[in-house]
Amino acid sequence: MWWKEKKQLRLFKHQLLITIISVFAVVVAMIGGSYAIFSSTSRADEYNVLKVGELEISYVDQGDGLGDILS
């Protein structure tokens, strides 16, 4: 019956290896996904613009110290 024990030991090693690889892959995917989400920046041509039908309200910060313009 020693071959059954040897077979069970080999099966356990395979399961352990697959588990370790799976956990590593999940951790790498989580770290990569978190990095991608938190490091992405979006650029828009128009900032702070609200359009509803014919009405358009925009907030423009010119950054020259003259105050902000709401049009």
Protein backbone atom coordinates (compact mmCIF):
# COMPACT_ATOMS: atom_id res chain seq x y z
CA MET A 1 0.00 0.00 0.00
CA TRP A 2 3.02 2.32 -0.17
CA TRP A 3 2.09 3.33 -3.73
CA LYS A 4 -1.18 4.84 -2.47
CA GLU A 5 0.70 6.99 0.01
CA LYS A 6 3.16 8.04 -2.67
CA LYS A 7 0.29 8.89 -5.03
CA GLN A 8 -1.47 10.91 -2.33
CA LEU A 9 1.74 12.80 -1.54
CA ARG A 10 2.24 13.64 -5.24
CA LEU A 11 -1.41 14.78 -5.51
CA PHE A 12 -0.98 16.97 -2.41
CA LYS A 13 2.16 18.58 -3.90
CA HIS A 14 0.31 19.32 -7.16
CA GLN A 15 -2.62 20.85 -5.29
CA LEU A 16 -0.29 22.94 -3.14
CA LEU A 17 1.61 24.19 -6.19
CA ILE A 18 -1.61 25.10 -8.03
CA THR A 19 -2.91 26.89 -4.92
CA ILE A 20 0.30 28.91 -4.51
CA ILE A 21 0.34 29.90 -8.19
CA SER A 22 -3.34 30.89 -8.06
CA VAL A 23 -2.90 33.03 -4.95
CA PHE A 24 0.15 34.71 -6.49
CA ALA A 25 -1.75 35.43 -9.72
CA VAL A 26 -4.69 36.94 -7.82
CA VAL A 27 -2.39 39.14 -5.73
CA VAL A 28 -0.53 40.35 -8.84
CA ALA A 29 -3.83 41.08 -10.60
CA MET A 30 -5.12 43.04 -7.60
CA ILE A 31 -1.94 45.09 -7.30
CA GLY A 32 -1.83 45.76 -11.04
CA GLY A 33 -5.49 46.70 -11.17
CA SER A 34 -5.19 49.01 -8.18
CA TYR A 35 -2.15 50.68 -9.70
CA ALA A 36 -3.94 51.16 -13.02
CA ILE A 37 -7.03 52.64 -11.38
CA PHE A 38 -5.23 55.03 -9.06
CA SER A 39 -2.56 56.17 -11.49
CA SER A 40 -4.85 57.01 -14.40
CA THR A 41 -5.56 60.65 -15.12
CA SER A 42 -8.14 61.95 -17.49
CA ARG A 43 -7.82 65.13 -19.48
CA ALA A 44 -10.79 66.98 -20.84
CA ASP A 45 -10.95 69.83 -23.30
CA GLU A 46 -13.61 71.60 -21.29
CA TYR A 47 -13.60 71.55 -17.50
CA ASN A 48 -16.70 72.08 -15.37
CA VAL A 49 -19.25 72.48 -18.15
CA LEU A 50 -22.91 71.68 -17.60
CA LYS A 51 -25.12 71.48 -20.70
CA VAL A 52 -28.87 70.95 -20.59
CA GLY A 53 -30.70 71.56 -23.84
CA GLU A 54 -29.89 75.13 -24.92
CA LEU A 55 -28.57 76.18 -21.49
CA GLU A 56 -24.81 75.94 -20.95
CA ILE A 57 -23.10 76.90 -17.69
CA SER A 58 -19.32 76.81 -17.53
CA TYR A 59 -16.85 77.63 -14.78
CA VAL A 60 -13.51 78.89 -16.04
CA ASP A 61 -10.46 79.36 -13.83
CA GLN A 62 -7.92 81.34 -15.78
CA GLY A 63 -5.33 81.14 -13.02
CA ASP A 64 -4.07 84.71 -13.48
CA GLY A 65 -5.33 86.02 -10.16
CA LEU A 66 -8.15 88.12 -11.62
CA GLY A 67 -10.82 85.95 -10.11
CA ASP A 68 -12.91 83.18 -11.53
CA ILE A 69 -15.39 83.66 -14.34
CA LEU A 70 -18.83 82.07 -14.39
CA SER A 71 -20.58 82.39 -17.73
